[in-house]
């Protein structure tokens, strides 16, 4: 099995990364596989404590490993933009961007494989066909998809150089103190809970622009622009400042009075350069069902 790490995998220990892939094995067993030379990173054997880097090629060679196959599924896709090299989809809340060893079905990649077959980039491996960047399962909104490897590299370079504008809508818990803010707090893996991120001094530089759109008695409706794109960046930054995203139980918001799936957060705006041209593409979508439901609740409380 061959996997490729992206920016969301960075800074994970190798054994923790594999623990999320090889769900049939204990962490101690995975560590023994690594020690016995059954796992290669960029063609070399590494220690369990090796920290994953973006672009790493991870090869797993176990004699009894179950080969994981990703099947195409006829799942409706909302395509917001498409040309010969790429597309942008509106991923619904509740859908994984790509499969894991625990969930091989009902992801965005399953839907993409059904509609586009082999006409998707494979730079990031079979599990992530076409995928350039990710949204958390319960974050909805706009995602760019590459139809071929050349387009993938073109768009990935834009993302790496911070030339893609990504804006989000969110409802935050409480009354955010500033009308406009630039949040600059370094982010790294939570040492005690590796599935989470946290603000830490030795973390990676991270910056988020925040603008208040409307204030309510118990919440603040905001627009957030990513300057960097760290894993869970918006959720970690706002949580650290004691104003977590509404209904984000992973980062301390708890369950609010309005019932929705986790975090009320939507990627609603993208601006990028069309592959192999100078044309600027700007896309924007309306608030999703979660955002609308929570805003309607607070609007009714204001009257």
Protein backbone atom coordinates (compact mmCIF):
# COMPACT_ATOMS: atom_id res chain seq x y z
CA UNK A 1 0.00 0.00 0.00
CA UNK A 2 1.34 3.45 -0.94
CA UNK A 3 0.08 6.69 0.59
CA UNK A 4 1.13 10.30 0.12
CA UNK A 5 1.03 12.84 2.95
CA UNK A 6 -0.50 16.27 2.47
CA UNK A 7 -0.44 19.41 4.60
CA UNK A 8 -3.08 18.02 6.95
CA UNK A 9 -0.84 15.10 7.85
CA UNK A 10 2.18 17.22 8.73
CA UNK A 11 3.78 16.93 12.18
CA UNK A 12 2.04 13.65 13.04
CA UNK A 13 4.27 10.91 14.37
CA UNK A 14 4.64 8.09 11.88
CA UNK A 15 3.03 5.56 14.23
CA UNK A 16 0.05 7.86 14.87
CA UNK A 17 -0.38 8.43 11.13
CA UNK A 18 -0.37 4.69 10.47
CA UNK A 19 -2.72 4.06 13.38
CA UNK A 20 -5.37 5.99 11.46
CA UNK A 21 -4.75 3.84 8.37
CA UNK A 22 -4.21 0.38 9.83
CA UNK A 23 -7.19 0.30 12.13
CA UNK A 24 -7.01 -3.50 12.51
CA UNK A 25 -3.73 -3.27 14.44
CA UNK A 26 -2.78 -1.85 17.85
CA UNK A 27 -0.33 1.03 18.10
CA UNK A 28 2.30 -1.25 19.67
CA UNK A 29 1.93 -3.69 16.76
CA UNK A 30 2.33 -0.83 14.29
CA UNK A 31 5.47 0.27 16.11
CA UNK A 32 6.87 -3.24 15.75
CA UNK A 33 6.11 -3.17 11.99
CA UNK A 34 8.06 0.08 11.70
CA UNK A 35 10.97 -1.33 13.74
CA UNK A 36 11.04 -4.48 11.58
CA UNK A 37 11.38 -2.44 8.38
CA UNK A 38 7.90 -3.06 6.99
CA UNK A 39 7.26 0.66 6.50
CA UNK A 40 9.24 2.99 4.25
CA UNK A 41 9.09 6.77 4.11
CA UNK A 42 10.57 8.14 0.90
CA UNK A 43 12.24 4.72 0.39
CA UNK A 44 13.90 4.81 3.83
CA UNK A 45 13.12 3.14 7.15
CA UNK A 46 12.21 5.67 9.85
CA UNK A 47 11.57 5.52 13.58
CA UNK A 48 8.05 5.54 15.02
CA UNK A 49 8.68 9.09 16.25
CA UNK A 50 9.43 10.41 12.75
CA UNK A 51 7.26 13.45 12.03
CA UNK A 52 5.34 13.28 8.78
CA UNK A 53 6.03 16.00 6.21
CA UNK A 54 3.89 17.15 3.32
CA UNK A 55 4.75 15.16 0.20
CA UNK A 56 6.14 12.14 2.05
CA UNK A 57 5.62 8.83 0.26
CA UNK A 58 4.67 6.15 2.79
CA UNK A 59 4.91 2.55 1.63
CA UNK A 60 3.46 -0.20 3.82
CA UNK A 61 4.60 -3.76 3.12
CA UNK A 62 2.87 -6.29 5.36
CA UNK A 63 2.41 -9.88 4.14
CA UNK A 64 -1.14 -10.13 5.47
CA UNK A 65 -2.31 -6.55 4.92
CA UNK A 66 -5.82 -6.20 3.59
CA UNK A 67 -5.76 -4.36 0.28
CA UNK A 68 -8.12 -1.42 0.54
CA UNK A 69 -10.07 -0.70 -2.63
CA UNK A 70 -12.01 2.48 -3.23
CA UNK A 71 -15.22 1.83 -5.16
CA UNK A 72 -17.04 4.44 -7.29
CA UNK A 73 -20.47 5.38 -5.91
CA UNK A 74 -23.35 7.20 -7.55
CA UNK A 75 -23.54 10.03 -5.03
CA UNK A 76 -24.91 13.41 -6.24
CA UNK A 77 -22.29 16.14 -6.64
CA UNK A 78 -22.98 19.86 -6.61
CA UNK A 79 -20.48 21.16 -9.15
CA UNK A 80 -20.08 24.93 -8.87
CA UNK A 81 -17.42 25.30 -11.57
CA UNK A 82 -15.84 23.00 -14.17
CA UNK A 83 -13.41 23.21 -17.07
CA UNK A 84 -11.24 20.71 -18.93
CA UNK A 85 -8.63 20.55 -16.14
CA UNK A 86 -10.46 21.01 -12.85
CA UNK A 87 -13.72 21.50 -11.02
CA UNK A 88 -14.98 23.03 -7.79
CA UNK A 89 -17.59 21.18 -5.76
CA UNK A 90 -19.75 22.22 -2.84
CA UNK A 91 -19.07 19.46 -0.30
CA UNK A 92 -21.99 18.92 2.08
CA UNK A 93 -21.55 18.80 5.82
CA UNK A 94 -21.22 15.24 7.08
CA UNK A 95 -19.23 13.93 4.10
CA UNK A 96 -15.58 12.90 4.39
CA UNK A 97 -13.35 14.40 1.71
CA UNK A 98 -11.59 11.08 1.09
CA UNK A 99 -11.74 7.51 2.43
CA UNK A 100 -9.90 6.13 5.43
CA UNK A 101 -9.30 2.51 6.39
CA UNK A 102 -12.37 2.74 8.63
CA UNK A 103 -14.63 4.43 6.08
CA UNK A 104 -14.21 3.37 2.48
CA UNK A 105 -17.63 4.49 1.27
CA UNK A 106 -19.81 7.61 0.90
CA UNK A 107 -16.88 10.04 0.63
CA UNK A 108 -16.30 12.77 -1.92
CA UNK A 109 -13.66 10.62 -3.65
CA UNK A 110 -16.17 7.77 -4.11
CA UNK A 111 -18.52 10.23 -5.81
CA UNK A 112 -15.73 11.70 -7.97
CA UNK A 113 -14.61 8.25 -9.13
CA UNK A 114 -18.16 7.43 -10.27
CA UNK A 115 -18.49 10.62 -12.32
CA UNK A 116 -14.94 11.08 -13.61
CA UNK A 117 -13.37 7.62 -13.41
CA UNK A 118 -9.64 7.75 -14.14
CA UNK A 119 -9.87 11.42 -15.18
CA UNK A 120 -8.60 12.59 -11.79
CA UNK A 121 -5.10 13.40 -10.61
CA UNK A 122 -3.32 10.64 -8.70
CA UNK A 123 -0.40 12.62 -7.25
CA UNK A 124 -1.72 12.08 -3.72
CA UNK A 125 -2.46 8.38 -4.24
CA UNK A 126 -5.61 6.33 -4.80
CA UNK A 127 -7.24 7.35 -1.50
CA UNK A 128 -7.08 11.01 -2.55
CA UNK A 129 -7.74 10.98 -6.28
CA UNK A 130 -8.20 14.55 -7.49
CA UNK A 131 -7.98 16.03 -4.00
CA UNK A 132 -5.91 19.23 -3.65
CA UNK A 133 -7.02 20.35 -0.20
CA UNK A 134 -9.46 19.10 2.41
CA UNK A 135 -12.40 20.21 4.49
CA UNK A 136 -13.25 18.55 7.79
CA UNK A 137 -16.16 16.11 7.65
CA UNK A 138 -18.64 18.57 9.20
CA UNK A 139 -17.35 21.68 7.41
CA UNK A 140 -19.25 22.29 4.19
CA UNK A 141 -18.32 24.29 1.15
CA UNK A 142 -16.03 24.81 -1.81
CA UNK A 143 -13.25 22.39 -2.72
CA UNK A 144 -11.01 22.41 -5.81
CA UNK A 145 -10.52 19.10 -7.63
CA UNK A 146 -7.81 18.39 -10.24
CA UNK A 147 -8.65 16.25 -13.27
CA UNK A 148 -5.02 15.58 -14.18
CA UNK A 149 -1.58 15.76 -12.61
CA UNK A 150 -0.48 18.86 -14.49
CA UNK A 151 -3.50 20.80 -13.23
CA UNK A 152 -2.91 19.39 -9.74
CA UNK A 153 0.66 20.75 -9.70
CA UNK A 154 -0.48 24.13 -11.11
CA UNK A 155 -3.15 24.57 -8.43
CA UNK A 156 -1.07 23.08 -5.60
CA UNK A 157 1.62 25.66 -6.32
CA UNK A 158 -0.97 28.44 -5.97
CA UNK A 159 -2.09 27.03 -2.63
CA UNK A 160 1.51 26.66 -1.40
CA UNK A 161 2.32 30.27 -2.35
CA UNK A 162 -0.87 31.58 -0.69
CA UNK A 163 -2.29 32.78 -4.02
CA UNK A 164 -5.68 31.12 -3.48
CA UNK A 165 -8.16 33.15 -1.43
CA UNK A 166 -10.34 31.03 0.87
CA UNK A 167 -13.08 32.66 2.94
CA UNK A 168 -15.34 31.02 5.49
CA UNK A 169 -18.57 31.83 7.28
CA UNK A 170 -18.86 30.85 10.92
CA UNK A 171 -20.97 31.44 13.99
CA UNK A 172 -18.79 31.86 17.08
CA UNK A 173 -19.84 31.32 20.65
CA UNK A 174 -20.10 34.54 22.67
CA UNK A 175 -19.41 38.17 21.79
CA UNK A 176 -16.14 38.46 19.88
CA UNK A 177 -14.35 41.58 21.21
CA UNK A 178 -13.07 43.12 17.95
CA UNK A 179 -14.90 44.10 14.77
CA UNK A 180 -11.82 43.13 12.74
CA UNK A 181 -8.85 41.06 13.83
CA UNK A 182 -5.72 39.35 12.56
CA UNK A 183 -5.12 36.20 14.58
CA UNK A 184 -1.49 35.09 14.48
CA UNK A 185 -0.91 32.06 16.68
CA UNK A 186 1.41 29.10 15.87
CA UNK A 187 -0.34 25.75 15.49
CA UNK A 188 0.99 22.23 16.05
CA UNK A 189 -0.21 18.77 17.04
CA UNK A 190 -1.72 18.36 20.48
CA UNK A 191 0.85 16.09 22.20
CA UNK A 192 -1.79 14.37 24.31
CA UNK A 193 -4.49 14.05 21.63
CA UNK A 194 -2.81 13.61 18.22
CA UNK A 195 -6.13 13.84 16.35
CA UNK A 196 -6.35 17.47 17.52
CA UNK A 197 -4.27 20.57 16.88
CA UNK A 198 -3.39 23.24 19.42
CA UNK A 199 -1.64 26.61 19.80
CA UNK A 200 1.95 25.95 20.82
CA UNK A 201 5.17 27.97 20.74
CA UNK A 202 6.97 25.50 18.49
CA UNK A 203 4.02 25.22 16.09
CA UNK A 204 3.85 26.44 12.50
CA UNK A 205 3.16 30.09 11.75
CA UNK A 206 -0.58 30.51 11.25
CA UNK A 207 -2.66 33.57 10.41
CA UNK A 208 -6.40 34.14 10.10
CA UNK A 209 -8.25 37.37 9.28
CA UNK A 210 -11.56 37.83 11.08
CA UNK A 211 -14.36 40.28 10.32
CA UNK A 212 -17.57 40.55 12.32
CA UNK A 213 -20.68 40.45 10.13
CA UNK A 214 -23.30 40.64 12.89
CA UNK A 215 -23.49 40.42 16.66
CA UNK A 216 -26.11 38.57 18.67
CA UNK A 217 -26.73 38.25 22.39
CA UNK A 218 -24.96 34.90 22.67
CA UNK A 219 -23.00 34.57 19.42
CA UNK A 220 -21.10 36.41 16.70
CA UNK A 221 -21.49 35.85 12.95
CA UNK A 222 -18.09 36.26 11.26
CA UNK A 223 -16.19 36.00 8.00
CA UNK A 224 -12.76 34.37 8.23
CA UNK A 225 -10.04 34.54 5.59
CA UNK A 226 -7.19 32.04 5.70
CA UNK A 227 -3.72 33.50 5.22
CA UNK A 228 -2.19 30.12 5.98
CA UNK A 229 -3.96 26.76 5.79
CA UNK A 230 -3.07 24.68 8.82
CA UNK A 231 -5.17 21.72 9.92
CA UNK A 232 -8.24 22.89 11.88
CA UNK A 233 -6.81 26.44 11.79
CA UNK A 234 -10.02 28.42 12.22
CA UNK A 235 -11.32 26.08 14.90
CA UNK A 236 -8.06 26.16 16.86
CA UNK A 237 -7.58 29.94 16.62
CA UNK A 238 -11.11 30.85 17.68
CA UNK A 239 -11.16 28.22 20.44
CA UNK A 240 -7.87 29.48 21.86
CA UNK A 241 -9.40 32.97 22.07
CA UNK A 242 -12.38 31.56 24.03
CA UNK A 243 -14.84 32.01 21.15
CA UNK A 244 -15.02 28.55 19.55
CA UNK A 245 -17.10 27.80 16.49
CA UNK A 246 -20.70 27.11 17.47
CA UNK A 247 -21.39 23.40 18.15
CA UNK A 248 -17.69 22.49 17.79
CA UNK A 249 -17.49 19.99 20.65
CA UNK A 250 -13.96 18.86 19.66
CA UNK A 251 -12.61 22.33 20.43
CA UNK A 252 -14.63 23.23 23.47
CA UNK A 253 -17.83 24.87 22.26
CA UNK A 254 -20.14 22.22 23.66
CA UNK A 255 -23.58 21.68 22.17
CA UNK A 256 -25.50 24.90 21.64
CA UNK A 257 -29.23 25.48 21.97
CA UNK A 258 -29.66 24.98 18.21
CA UNK A 259 -29.08 21.36 17.20
CA UNK A 260 -26.85 20.85 14.16
CA UNK A 261 -24.02 18.59 13.16
CA UNK A 262 -20.63 19.61 14.53
CA UNK A 263 -19.08 23.05 13.85
CA UNK A 264 -21.18 25.73 12.11
CA UNK A 265 -18.48 26.55 9.58
CA UNK A 266 -18.68 26.91 5.78
CA UNK A 267 -16.07 27.50 3.09
CA UNK A 268 -18.11 29.90 0.96
CA UNK A 269 -15.64 31.83 -1.26
CA UNK A 270 -12.74 30.83 -3.52
CA UNK A 271 -10.53 32.95 -5.75
CA UNK A 272 -7.84 31.31 -7.87
CA UNK A 273 -6.17 31.39 -11.29
CA UNK A 274 -7.56 28.97 -13.85
CA UNK A 275 -4.97 26.33 -14.80
CA UNK A 276 -2.64 27.26 -17.65
CA UNK A 277 -4.10 30.75 -18.09
CA UNK A 278 -4.20 34.18 -16.48
CA UNK A 279 -7.97 34.08 -15.94
CA UNK A 280 -9.08 34.73 -12.36
CA UNK A 281 -11.99 32.62 -11.16
CA UNK A 282 -14.11 33.86 -8.24
CA UNK A 283 -16.80 31.64 -6.76
CA UNK A 284 -19.24 32.26 -3.93
CA UNK A 285 -22.13 30.21 -2.52
CA UNK A 286 -25.07 30.99 -0.25
CA UNK A 287 -25.11 30.10 3.47
CA UNK A 288 -25.72 26.40 4.01
CA UNK A 289 -28.50 24.81 6.05
CA UNK A 290 -26.52 24.81 9.32
CA UNK A 291 -25.48 28.45 9.10
CA UNK A 292 -29.00 29.50 8.11
CA UNK A 293 -30.64 27.51 10.90
CA UNK A 294 -28.40 28.98 13.62
CA UNK A 295 -28.66 32.54 12.29
CA UNK A 296 -32.45 32.31 12.09
CA UNK A 297 -32.51 31.20 15.72
CA UNK A 298 -30.43 34.15 16.91
CA UNK A 299 -32.36 36.58 14.68
CA UNK A 300 -35.61 35.44 16.36
CA UNK A 301 -34.04 35.99 19.79
CA UNK A 302 -33.12 39.58 18.88
CA UNK A 303 -36.72 40.60 18.23
